[in-house]
């Protein structure tokens, strides 16, 4: 946990921010995912067991809510950045660069 997250908390009298999703019980019974772009929505205990498709800016990522996720934001579980690493350069490219 970052030290600034304690300072930048939402005030307690406002309560957690969450979006009202219609027909939560229907989605829980039918086991169909809920498509959402509300990454800032706080996960409340009613969401446990639901499947969400969270938008990361390019496509929707599947997330199943567990008890450990309660209190966190939906966006924390759908990364918006692509994994990146250095690419190995082939011998062909090295020879062409030297000439």
PDB file of N, CA and C in Angstrom:
ATOM      1  N   UNK A   1       0.842  -1.168   0.000  1.00  0.00           N
ATOM      2  CA  UNK A   1       0.000   0.000   0.000  1.00  0.00           C
ATOM      3  C   UNK A   1       0.893   1.238   0.000  1.00  0.00           C
ATOM      4  N   UNK A   2       0.518   2.226  -0.784  1.00  0.00           N
ATOM      5  CA  UNK A   2       1.287   3.449  -0.880  1.00  0.00           C
ATOM      6  C   UNK A   2       0.996   4.349   0.323  1.00  0.00           C
ATOM      7  N   UNK A   3       1.995   5.079   0.821  1.00  0.00           N
ATOM      8  CA  UNK A   3       1.763   5.936   1.982  1.00  0.00           C
ATOM      9  C   UNK A   3       0.793   7.080   1.692  1.00  0.00           C
ATOM     10  N   UNK A   4       0.685   7.511   0.433  1.00  0.00           N
ATOM     11  CA  UNK A   4      -0.217   8.614   0.105  1.00  0.00           C
ATOM     12  C   UNK A   4      -1.668   8.171   0.019  1.00  0.00           C
ATOM     13  N   UNK A   5      -1.923   6.871  -0.083  1.00  0.00           N
ATOM     14  CA  UNK A   5      -3.304   6.415  -0.202  1.00  0.00           C
ATOM     15  C   UNK A   5      -4.094   6.663   1.085  1.00  0.00           C
ATOM     16  N   UNK A   6      -3.413   6.712   2.222  1.00  0.00           N
ATOM     17  CA  UNK A   6      -4.102   7.013   3.471  1.00  0.00           C
ATOM     18  C   UNK A   6      -4.517   8.478   3.520  1.00  0.00           C
ATOM     19  N   UNK A   7      -3.707   9.346   2.961  1.00  0.00           N
ATOM     20  CA  UNK A   7      -3.986  10.762   2.979  1.00  0.00           C
ATOM     21  C   UNK A   7      -5.084  11.109   1.967  1.00  0.00           C
ATOM     22  N   UNK A   8      -5.109  10.445   0.826  1.00  0.00           N
ATOM     23  CA  UNK A   8      -6.026  10.777  -0.253  1.00  0.00           C
ATOM     24  C   UNK A   8      -7.304   9.957  -0.225  1.00  0.00           C
ATOM     25  N   UNK A   9      -7.767   9.566   0.932  1.00  0.00           N
ATOM     26  CA  UNK A   9      -8.990   8.780   1.045  1.00  0.00           C
ATOM     27  C   UNK A   9     -10.214   9.656   0.901  1.00  0.00           C
ATOM     28  N   UNK A  10     -11.299   9.042   0.507  1.00  0.00           N
ATOM     29  CA  UNK A  10     -12.585   9.720   0.440  1.00  0.00           C
ATOM     30  C   UNK A  10     -13.093   9.916   1.872  1.00  0.00           C
ATOM     31  N   UNK A  11     -13.720  11.038   2.149  1.00  0.00           N
ATOM     32  CA  UNK A  11     -14.186  11.304   3.510  1.00  0.00           C
ATOM     33  C   UNK A  11     -15.250  10.284   3.924  1.00  0.00           C
ATOM     34  N   UNK A  12     -15.260   9.927   5.191  1.00  0.00           N
ATOM     35  CA  UNK A  12     -16.119   8.850   5.668  1.00  0.00           C
ATOM     36  C   UNK A  12     -17.594   9.216   5.649  1.00  0.00           C
ATOM     37  N   UNK A  13     -17.931  10.484   5.794  1.00  0.00           N
ATOM     38  CA  UNK A  13     -19.344  10.836   5.808  1.00  0.00           C
ATOM     39  C   UNK A  13     -19.971  10.687   4.426  1.00  0.00           C
ATOM     40  N   UNK A  14     -19.170  10.713   3.351  1.00  0.00           N
ATOM     41  CA  UNK A  14     -19.701  10.518   2.005  1.00  0.00           C
ATOM     42  C   UNK A  14     -19.972   9.039   1.725  1.00  0.00           C
ATOM     43  N   UNK A  15     -19.203   8.152   2.337  1.00  0.00           N
ATOM     44  CA  UNK A  15     -19.342   6.726   2.065  1.00  0.00           C
ATOM     45  C   UNK A  15     -18.606   6.329   0.798  1.00  0.00           C
ATOM     46  N   UNK A  16     -18.574   5.039   0.478  1.00  0.00           N
ATOM     47  CA  UNK A  16     -17.846   4.596  -0.712  1.00  0.00           C
ATOM     48  C   UNK A  16     -18.581   4.981  -1.989  1.00  0.00           C
ATOM     49  N   UNK A  17     -17.815   5.241  -3.043  1.00  0.00           N
ATOM     50  CA  UNK A  17     -18.412   5.544  -4.340  1.00  0.00           C
ATOM     51  C   UNK A  17     -18.667   4.239  -5.073  1.00  0.00           C
ATOM     52  N   UNK A  18     -19.894   4.011  -5.478  1.00  0.00           N
ATOM     53  CA  UNK A  18     -20.187   2.846  -6.309  1.00  0.00           C
ATOM     54  C   UNK A  18     -21.304   3.189  -7.275  1.00  0.00           C
ATOM     55  N   UNK A  19     -21.307   2.498  -8.385  1.00  0.00           N
ATOM     56  CA  UNK A  19     -22.305   2.689  -9.421  1.00  0.00           C
ATOM     57  C   UNK A  19     -23.418   1.687  -9.204  1.00  0.00           C
ATOM     58  N   UNK A  20     -24.650   2.125  -9.355  1.00  0.00           N
ATOM     59  CA  UNK A  20     -25.791   1.223  -9.207  1.00  0.00           C
ATOM     60  C   UNK A  20     -25.951   0.420 -10.500  1.00  0.00           C
ATOM     61  N   UNK A  21     -25.678  -0.862 -10.420  1.00  0.00           N
ATOM     62  CA  UNK A  21     -25.841  -1.738 -11.573  1.00  0.00           C
ATOM     63  C   UNK A  21     -27.228  -2.367 -11.502  1.00  0.00           C
ATOM     64  N   UNK A  22     -28.029  -2.255 -12.547  1.00  0.00           N
ATOM     65  CA  UNK A  22     -29.374  -2.845 -12.515  1.00  0.00           C
ATOM     66  C   UNK A  22     -29.312  -4.363 -12.573  1.00  0.00           C
ATOM     67  N   UNK A  23     -30.255  -4.992 -11.941  1.00  0.00           N
ATOM     68  CA  UNK A  23     -30.459  -6.451 -11.954  1.00  0.00           C
ATOM     69  C   UNK A  23     -29.212  -7.246 -11.552  1.00  0.00           C
ATOM     70  N   UNK A  24     -28.631  -6.926 -10.394  1.00  0.00           N
ATOM     71  CA  UNK A  24     -27.475  -7.689  -9.897  1.00  0.00           C
ATOM     72  C   UNK A  24     -27.865  -9.137  -9.614  1.00  0.00           C
ATOM     73  N   UNK A  25     -29.056  -9.353  -9.072  1.00  0.00           N
ATOM     74  CA  UNK A  25     -29.471 -10.712  -8.730  1.00  0.00           C
ATOM     75  C   UNK A  25     -29.654 -11.564  -9.984  1.00  0.00           C
ATOM     76  N   UNK A  26     -30.131 -10.965 -11.068  1.00  0.00           N
ATOM     77  CA  UNK A  26     -30.297 -11.720 -12.320  1.00  0.00           C
ATOM     78  C   UNK A  26     -28.939 -12.161 -12.867  1.00  0.00           C
ATOM     79  N   UNK A  27     -27.963 -11.264 -12.825  1.00  0.00           N
ATOM     80  CA  UNK A  27     -26.628 -11.604 -13.313  1.00  0.00           C
ATOM     81  C   UNK A  27     -25.979 -12.667 -12.434  1.00  0.00           C
ATOM     82  N   UNK A  28     -26.255 -12.636 -11.126  1.00  0.00           N
ATOM     83  CA  UNK A  28     -25.691 -13.628 -10.216  1.00  0.00           C
ATOM     84  C   UNK A  28     -26.304 -15.007 -10.480  1.00  0.00           C
ATOM     85  N   UNK A  29     -27.606 -15.050 -10.746  1.00  0.00           N
ATOM     86  CA  UNK A  29     -28.277 -16.329 -11.018  1.00  0.00           C
ATOM     87  C   UNK A  29     -27.884 -16.903 -12.372  1.00  0.00           C
ATOM     88  N   UNK A  30     -27.842 -16.052 -13.393  1.00  0.00           N
ATOM     89  CA  UNK A  30     -27.558 -16.530 -14.746  1.00  0.00           C
ATOM     90  C   UNK A  30     -26.064 -16.621 -15.031  1.00  0.00           C
ATOM     91  N   UNK A  31     -25.231 -16.111 -14.125  1.00  0.00           N
ATOM     92  CA  UNK A  31     -23.771 -16.178 -14.250  1.00  0.00           C
ATOM     93  C   UNK A  31     -23.273 -15.459 -15.508  1.00  0.00           C
ATOM     94  N   UNK A  32     -23.960 -14.395 -15.918  1.00  0.00           N
ATOM     95  CA  UNK A  32     -23.530 -13.597 -17.063  1.00  0.00           C
ATOM     96  C   UNK A  32     -22.748 -12.390 -16.559  1.00  0.00           C
ATOM     97  N   UNK A  33     -21.730 -11.956 -17.297  1.00  0.00           N
ATOM     98  CA  UNK A  33     -20.929 -10.824 -16.836  1.00  0.00           C
ATOM     99  C   UNK A  33     -21.634  -9.489 -17.053  1.00  0.00           C
ATOM    100  N   UNK A  34     -21.264  -8.512 -16.241  1.00  0.00           N
ATOM    101  CA  UNK A  34     -21.768  -7.151 -16.349  1.00  0.00           C
ATOM    102  C   UNK A  34     -20.680  -6.318 -17.029  1.00  0.00           C
ATOM    103  N   UNK A  35     -20.987  -5.735 -18.174  1.00  0.00           N
ATOM    104  CA  UNK A  35     -20.030  -4.899 -18.894  1.00  0.00           C
ATOM    105  C   UNK A  35     -20.069  -3.501 -18.307  1.00  0.00           C
ATOM    106  N   UNK A  36     -18.893  -2.969 -17.935  1.00  0.00           N
ATOM    107  CA  UNK A  36     -18.851  -1.647 -17.321  1.00  0.00           C
ATOM    108  C   UNK A  36     -17.573  -0.910 -17.691  1.00  0.00           C
ATOM    109  N   UNK A  37     -17.700   0.404 -17.726  1.00  0.00           N
ATOM    110  CA  UNK A  37     -16.543   1.281 -17.882  1.00  0.00           C
ATOM    111  C   UNK A  37     -16.273   2.047 -16.589  1.00  0.00           C
ATOM    112  N   UNK A  38     -17.037   1.751 -15.538  1.00  0.00           N
ATOM    113  CA  UNK A  38     -16.909   2.446 -14.248  1.00  0.00           C
ATOM    114  C   UNK A  38     -15.767   1.850 -13.447  1.00  0.00           C
ATOM    115  N   UNK A  39     -14.538   2.243 -13.784  1.00  0.00           N
ATOM    116  CA  UNK A  39     -13.355   1.718 -13.101  1.00  0.00           C
ATOM    117  C   UNK A  39     -13.225   2.281 -11.691  1.00  0.00           C
ATOM    118  N   UNK A  40     -13.835   3.421 -11.423  1.00  0.00           N
ATOM    119  CA  UNK A  40     -13.701   4.061 -10.111  1.00  0.00           C
ATOM    120  C   UNK A  40     -14.734   3.560  -9.116  1.00  0.00           C
ATOM    121  N   UNK A  41     -15.549   2.602  -9.499  1.00  0.00           N
ATOM    122  CA  UNK A  41     -16.586   2.056  -8.621  1.00  0.00           C
ATOM    123  C   UNK A  41     -15.945   1.197  -7.527  1.00  0.00           C
ATOM    124  N   UNK A  42     -16.322   1.455  -6.264  1.00  0.00           N
ATOM    125  CA  UNK A  42     -15.821   0.661  -5.146  1.00  0.00           C
ATOM    126  C   UNK A  42     -16.572  -0.664  -5.087  1.00  0.00           C
ATOM    127  N   UNK A  43     -15.855  -1.748  -4.836  1.00  0.00           N
ATOM    128  CA  UNK A  43     -16.476  -3.071  -4.737  1.00  0.00           C
ATOM    129  C   UNK A  43     -17.110  -3.206  -3.359  1.00  0.00           C
ATOM    130  N   UNK A  44     -18.406  -3.456  -3.330  1.00  0.00           N
ATOM    131  CA  UNK A  44     -19.153  -3.617  -2.087  1.00  0.00           C
ATOM    132  C   UNK A  44     -19.467  -5.104  -1.897  1.00  0.00           C
ATOM    133  N   UNK A  45     -19.832  -5.537  -0.684  1.00  0.00           N
ATOM    134  CA  UNK A  45     -20.080  -6.962  -0.436  1.00  0.00           C
ATOM    135  C   UNK A  45     -21.176  -7.575  -1.319  1.00  0.00           C
ATOM    136  N   UNK A  46     -22.085  -6.774  -1.848  1.00  0.00           N
ATOM    137  CA  UNK A  46     -23.127  -7.313  -2.736  1.00  0.00           C
ATOM    138  C   UNK A  46     -22.562  -7.828  -4.055  1.00  0.00           C
ATOM    139  N   UNK A  47     -21.350  -7.386  -4.429  1.00  0.00           N
ATOM    140  CA  UNK A  47     -20.751  -7.760  -5.707  1.00  0.00           C
ATOM    141  C   UNK A  47     -20.038  -9.113  -5.651  1.00  0.00           C
ATOM    142  N   UNK A  48     -19.862  -9.709  -4.483  1.00  0.00           N
ATOM    143  CA  UNK A  48     -19.105 -10.954  -4.346  1.00  0.00           C
ATOM    144  C   UNK A  48     -19.792 -12.064  -5.137  1.00  0.00           C
ATOM    145  N   UNK A  49     -19.028 -12.722  -5.994  1.00  0.00           N
ATOM    146  CA  UNK A  49     -19.544 -13.800  -6.821  1.00  0.00           C
ATOM    147  C   UNK A  49     -19.959 -13.349  -8.212  1.00  0.00           C
ATOM    148  N   UNK A  50     -20.042 -12.040  -8.442  1.00  0.00           N
ATOM    149  CA  UNK A  50     -20.435 -11.533  -9.757  1.00  0.00           C
ATOM    150  C   UNK A  50     -19.244 -11.504 -10.706  1.00  0.00           C
ATOM    151  N   UNK A  51     -19.548 -11.571 -11.986  1.00  0.00           N
ATOM    152  CA  UNK A  51     -18.527 -11.450 -13.015  1.00  0.00           C
ATOM    153  C   UNK A  51     -18.691 -10.100 -13.683  1.00  0.00           C
ATOM    154  N   UNK A  52     -17.577  -9.378 -13.808  1.00  0.00           N
ATOM    155  CA  UNK A  52     -17.564  -8.080 -14.464  1.00  0.00           C
ATOM    156  C   UNK A  52     -16.648  -8.142 -15.668  1.00  0.00           C
ATOM    157  N   UNK A  53     -16.989  -7.388 -16.698  1.00  0.00           N
ATOM    158  CA  UNK A  53     -16.117  -7.152 -17.837  1.00  0.00           C
ATOM    159  C   UNK A  53     -15.744  -5.675 -17.744  1.00  0.00           C
ATOM    160  N   UNK A  54     -14.511  -5.402 -17.310  1.00  0.00           N
ATOM    161  CA  UNK A  54     -14.077  -4.040 -17.019  1.00  0.00           C
ATOM    162  C   UNK A  54     -13.267  -3.514 -18.200  1.00  0.00           C
ATOM    163  N   UNK A  55     -13.616  -2.321 -18.648  1.00  0.00           N
ATOM    164  CA  UNK A  55     -12.974  -1.702 -19.799  1.00  0.00           C
ATOM    165  C   UNK A  55     -11.626  -1.121 -19.392  1.00  0.00           C
ATOM    166  N   UNK A  56     -10.570  -1.428 -20.147  1.00  0.00           N
ATOM    167  CA  UNK A  56      -9.249  -0.903 -19.819  1.00  0.00           C
ATOM    168  C   UNK A  56      -8.768   0.145 -20.820  1.00  0.00           C
ATOM    169  N   UNK A  57      -9.656   0.614 -21.681  1.00  0.00           N
ATOM    170  CA  UNK A  57      -9.286   1.603 -22.675  1.00  0.00           C
ATOM    171  C   UNK A  57      -9.184   1.020 -24.064  1.00  0.00           C
ATOM    172  N   UNK A  58      -9.042  -0.292 -24.148  1.00  0.00           N
ATOM    173  CA  UNK A  58      -8.952  -0.958 -25.446  1.00  0.00           C
ATOM    174  C   UNK A  58     -10.004  -2.054 -25.569  1.00  0.00           C
ATOM    175  N   UNK A  59     -10.102  -2.917 -24.570  1.00  0.00           N
ATOM    176  CA  UNK A  59     -11.098  -3.980 -24.588  1.00  0.00           C
ATOM    177  C   UNK A  59     -11.544  -4.296 -23.155  1.00  0.00           C
ATOM    178  N   UNK A  60     -12.481  -5.198 -23.039  1.00  0.00           N
ATOM    179  CA  UNK A  60     -13.044  -5.562 -21.745  1.00  0.00           C
ATOM    180  C   UNK A  60     -12.323  -6.779 -21.176  1.00  0.00           C
ATOM    181  N   UNK A  61     -11.910  -6.697 -19.910  1.00  0.00           N
ATOM    182  CA  UNK A  61     -11.204  -7.794 -19.253  1.00  0.00           C
ATOM    183  C   UNK A  61     -12.129  -8.465 -18.248  1.00  0.00           C
ATOM    184  N   UNK A  62     -12.175  -9.812 -18.222  1.00  0.00           N
ATOM    185  CA  UNK A  62     -13.074 -10.511 -17.295  1.00  0.00           C
ATOM    186  C   UNK A  62     -12.503 -10.545 -15.873  1.00  0.00           C
ATOM    187  N   UNK A  63     -13.351 -10.214 -14.898  1.00  0.00           N
ATOM    188  CA  UNK A  63     -12.984 -10.229 -13.482  1.00  0.00           C
ATOM    189  C   UNK A  63     -14.116 -10.882 -12.702  1.00  0.00           C
ATOM    190  N   UNK A  64     -13.796 -11.850 -11.838  1.00  0.00           N
ATOM    191  CA  UNK A  64     -14.774 -12.422 -10.922  1.00  0.00           C
ATOM    192  C   UNK A  64     -14.462 -11.888  -9.532  1.00  0.00           C
ATOM    193  N   UNK A  65     -15.445 -11.281  -8.895  1.00  0.00           N
ATOM    194  CA  UNK A  65     -15.237 -10.617  -7.600  1.00  0.00           C
ATOM    195  C   UNK A  65     -15.222 -11.654  -6.480  1.00  0.00           C
ATOM    196  N   UNK A  66     -14.202 -11.564  -5.611  1.00  0.00           N
ATOM    197  CA  UNK A  66     -14.082 -12.426  -4.438  1.00  0.00           C
ATOM    198  C   UNK A  66     -14.155 -11.558  -3.185  1.00  0.00           C
ATOM    199  N   UNK A  67     -14.179 -12.179  -2.027  1.00  0.00           N
ATOM    200  CA  UNK A  67     -14.287 -11.446  -0.760  1.00  0.00           C
ATOM    201  C   UNK A  67     -13.066 -10.569  -0.490  1.00  0.00           C
ATOM    202  N   UNK A  68     -11.898 -10.969  -0.972  1.00  0.00           N
ATOM    203  CA  UNK A  68     -10.683 -10.197  -0.752  1.00  0.00           C
ATOM    204  C   UNK A  68     -10.696  -8.870  -1.510  1.00  0.00           C
ATOM    205  N   UNK A  69     -11.535  -8.753  -2.534  1.00  0.00           N
ATOM    206  CA  UNK A  69     -11.581  -7.550  -3.365  1.00  0.00           C
ATOM    207  C   UNK A  69     -12.487  -6.460  -2.786  1.00  0.00           C
ATOM    208  N   UNK A  70     -13.267  -6.773  -1.763  1.00  0.00           N
ATOM    209  CA  UNK A  70     -14.219  -5.805  -1.203  1.00  0.00           C
ATOM    210  C   UNK A  70     -13.451  -4.612  -0.637  1.00  0.00           C
ATOM    211  N   UNK A  71     -13.887  -3.410  -1.005  1.00  0.00           N
ATOM    212  CA  UNK A  71     -13.228  -2.188  -0.564  1.00  0.00           C
ATOM    213  C   UNK A  71     -12.287  -1.607  -1.590  1.00  0.00           C
ATOM    214  N   UNK A  72     -11.882  -2.399  -2.566  1.00  0.00           N
ATOM    215  CA  UNK A  72     -10.998  -1.920  -3.626  1.00  0.00           C
ATOM    216  C   UNK A  72     -11.841  -1.366  -4.766  1.00  0.00           C
ATOM    217  N   UNK A  73     -11.194  -0.787  -5.761  1.00  0.00           N
ATOM    218  CA  UNK A  73     -11.872  -0.259  -6.937  1.00  0.00           C
ATOM    219  C   UNK A  73     -11.830  -1.303  -8.053  1.00  0.00           C
ATOM    220  N   UNK A  74     -12.827  -1.267  -8.940  1.00  0.00           N
ATOM    221  CA  UNK A  74     -12.861  -2.216 -10.060  1.00  0.00           C
ATOM    222  C   UNK A  74     -11.650  -2.036 -10.974  1.00  0.00           C
ATOM    223  N   UNK A  75     -11.217  -0.806 -11.162  1.00  0.00           N
ATOM    224  CA  UNK A  75     -10.104  -0.515 -12.053  1.00  0.00           C
ATOM    225  C   UNK A  75      -8.769  -1.063 -11.601  1.00  0.00           C
ATOM    226  N   UNK A  76      -8.645  -1.416 -10.323  1.00  0.00           N
ATOM    227  CA  UNK A  76      -7.382  -1.958  -9.823  1.00  0.00           C
ATOM    228  C   UNK A  76      -7.090  -3.335 -10.407  1.00  0.00           C
ATOM    229  N   UNK A  77      -8.113  -4.013 -10.881  1.00  0.00           N
ATOM    230  CA  UNK A  77      -7.955  -5.381 -11.348  1.00  0.00           C
ATOM    231  C   UNK A  77      -7.942  -5.493 -12.865  1.00  0.00           C
ATOM    232  N   UNK A  78      -7.990  -4.369 -13.562  1.00  0.00           N
ATOM    233  CA  UNK A  78      -7.909  -4.352 -15.024  1.00  0.00           C
ATOM    234  C   UNK A  78      -6.829  -3.361 -15.422  1.00  0.00           C
ATOM    235  N   UNK A  79      -5.649  -3.858 -15.709  1.00  0.00           N
ATOM    236  CA  UNK A  79      -4.508  -3.010 -16.023  1.00  0.00           C
ATOM    237  C   UNK A  79      -4.731  -2.280 -17.344  1.00  0.00           C
ATOM    238  N   UNK A  80      -4.331  -1.010 -17.373  1.00  0.00           N
ATOM    239  CA  UNK A  80      -4.493  -0.217 -18.589  1.00  0.00           C
ATOM    240  C   UNK A  80      -3.212  -0.154 -19.400  1.00  0.00           C
ATOM    241  N   UNK A  81      -2.148  -0.687 -18.871  1.00  0.00           N
ATOM    242  CA  UNK A  81      -0.860  -0.620 -19.565  1.00  0.00           C
ATOM    243  C   UNK A  81      -0.427  -1.994 -20.034  1.00  0.00           C
ATOM    244  N   UNK A  82       0.206  -2.008 -21.176  1.00  0.00           N
ATOM    245  CA  UNK A  82       0.663  -3.245 -21.775  1.00  0.00           C
ATOM    246  C   UNK A  82       1.990  -3.664 -21.138  1.00  0.00           C
ATOM    247  N   UNK A  83       2.167  -4.943 -20.898  1.00  0.00           N
ATOM    248  CA  UNK A  83       3.435  -5.448 -20.366  1.00  0.00           C
ATOM    249  C   UNK A  83       4.525  -5.218 -21.406  1.00  0.00           C
ATOM    250  N   UNK A  84       5.674  -4.754 -20.962  1.00  0.00           N
ATOM    251  CA  UNK A  84       6.736  -4.381 -21.879  1.00  0.00           C
ATOM    252  C   UNK A  84       8.057  -4.948 -21.394  1.00  0.00           C
ATOM    253  N   UNK A  85       8.884  -5.388 -22.333  1.00  0.00           N
ATOM    254  CA  UNK A  85      10.233  -5.838 -21.996  1.00  0.00           C
ATOM    255  C   UNK A  85      11.130  -5.599 -23.196  1.00  0.00           C
ATOM    256  N   UNK A  86      12.424  -5.606 -22.960  1.00  0.00           N
ATOM    257  CA  UNK A  86      13.368  -5.433 -24.057  1.00  0.00           C
ATOM    258  C   UNK A  86      13.301  -6.634 -24.982  1.00  0.00           C
ATOM    259  N   UNK A  87      13.369  -6.370 -26.267  1.00  0.00           N
ATOM    260  CA  UNK A  87      13.298  -7.430 -27.260  1.00  0.00           C
ATOM    261  C   UNK A  87      14.713  -7.815 -27.675  1.00  0.00           C
ATOM    262  N   UNK A  88      14.953  -9.084 -27.812  1.00  0.00           N
ATOM    263  CA  UNK A  88      16.256  -9.534 -28.282  1.00  0.00           C
ATOM    264  C   UNK A  88      16.401  -9.196 -29.758  1.00  0.00           C
ATOM    265  N   UNK A  89      17.560  -8.670 -30.116  1.00  0.00           N
ATOM    266  CA  UNK A  89      17.814  -8.297 -31.499  1.00  0.00           C
ATOM    267  C   UNK A  89      18.475  -9.482 -32.189  1.00  0.00           C
ATOM    268  N   UNK A  90      17.979  -9.828 -33.361  1.00  0.00           N
ATOM    269  CA  UNK A  90      18.533 -10.972 -34.084  1.00  0.00           C
ATOM    270  C   UNK A  90      19.892 -10.615 -34.680  1.00  0.00           C
ATOM    271  N   UNK A  91      20.661 -11.625 -35.025  1.00  0.00           N
ATOM    272  CA  UNK A  91      21.988 -11.432 -35.605  1.00  0.00           C
ATOM    273  C   UNK A  91      21.896 -10.715 -36.948  1.00  0.00           C
ATOM    274  N   UNK A  92      20.817 -10.927 -37.696  1.00  0.00           N
ATOM    275  CA  UNK A  92      20.641 -10.285 -38.997  1.00  0.00           C
ATOM    276  C   UNK A  92      20.584  -8.762 -38.831  1.00  0.00           C
ATOM    277  N   UNK A  93      19.889  -8.279 -37.839  1.00  0.00           N
ATOM    278  CA  UNK A  93      19.761  -6.845 -37.620  1.00  0.00           C
ATOM    279  C   UNK A  93      21.081  -6.246 -37.152  1.00  0.00           C
ATOM    280  N   UNK A  94      21.840  -6.980 -36.384  1.00  0.00           N
ATOM    281  CA  UNK A  94      23.134  -6.473 -35.898  1.00  0.00           C
ATOM    282  C   UNK A  94      24.091  -6.306 -37.068  1.00  0.00           C
ATOM    283  N   UNK A  95      24.133  -7.292 -37.996  1.00  0.00           N
ATOM    284  CA  UNK A  95      25.028  -7.204 -39.156  1.00  0.00           C
ATOM    285  C   UNK A  95      24.622  -6.049 -40.066  1.00  0.00           C
ATOM    286  N   UNK A  96      23.336  -5.841 -40.259  1.00  0.00           N
ATOM    287  CA  UNK A  96      22.890  -4.772 -41.151  1.00  0.00           C
ATOM    288  C   UNK A  96      23.146  -3.389 -40.543  1.00  0.00           C
ATOM    289  N   UNK A  97      23.166  -3.306 -39.238  1.00  0.00           N
ATOM    290  CA  UNK A  97      23.431  -2.021 -38.584  1.00  0.00           C
ATOM    291  C   UNK A  97      24.904  -1.633 -38.682  1.00  0.00           C
ATOM    292  N   UNK A  98      25.801  -2.614 -38.682  1.00  0.00           N
ATOM    293  CA  UNK A  98      27.246  -2.345 -38.731  1.00  0.00           C
ATOM    294  C   UNK A  98      27.714  -1.974 -40.116  1.00  0.00           C
ATOM    295  N   UNK A  99      26.982  -2.320 -41.148  1.00  0.00           N
ATOM    296  CA  UNK A  99      27.431  -2.037 -42.518  1.00  0.00           C
ATOM    297  C   UNK A  99      26.831  -0.823 -43.069  1.00  0.00           C
TER     298      UNK A  99
END
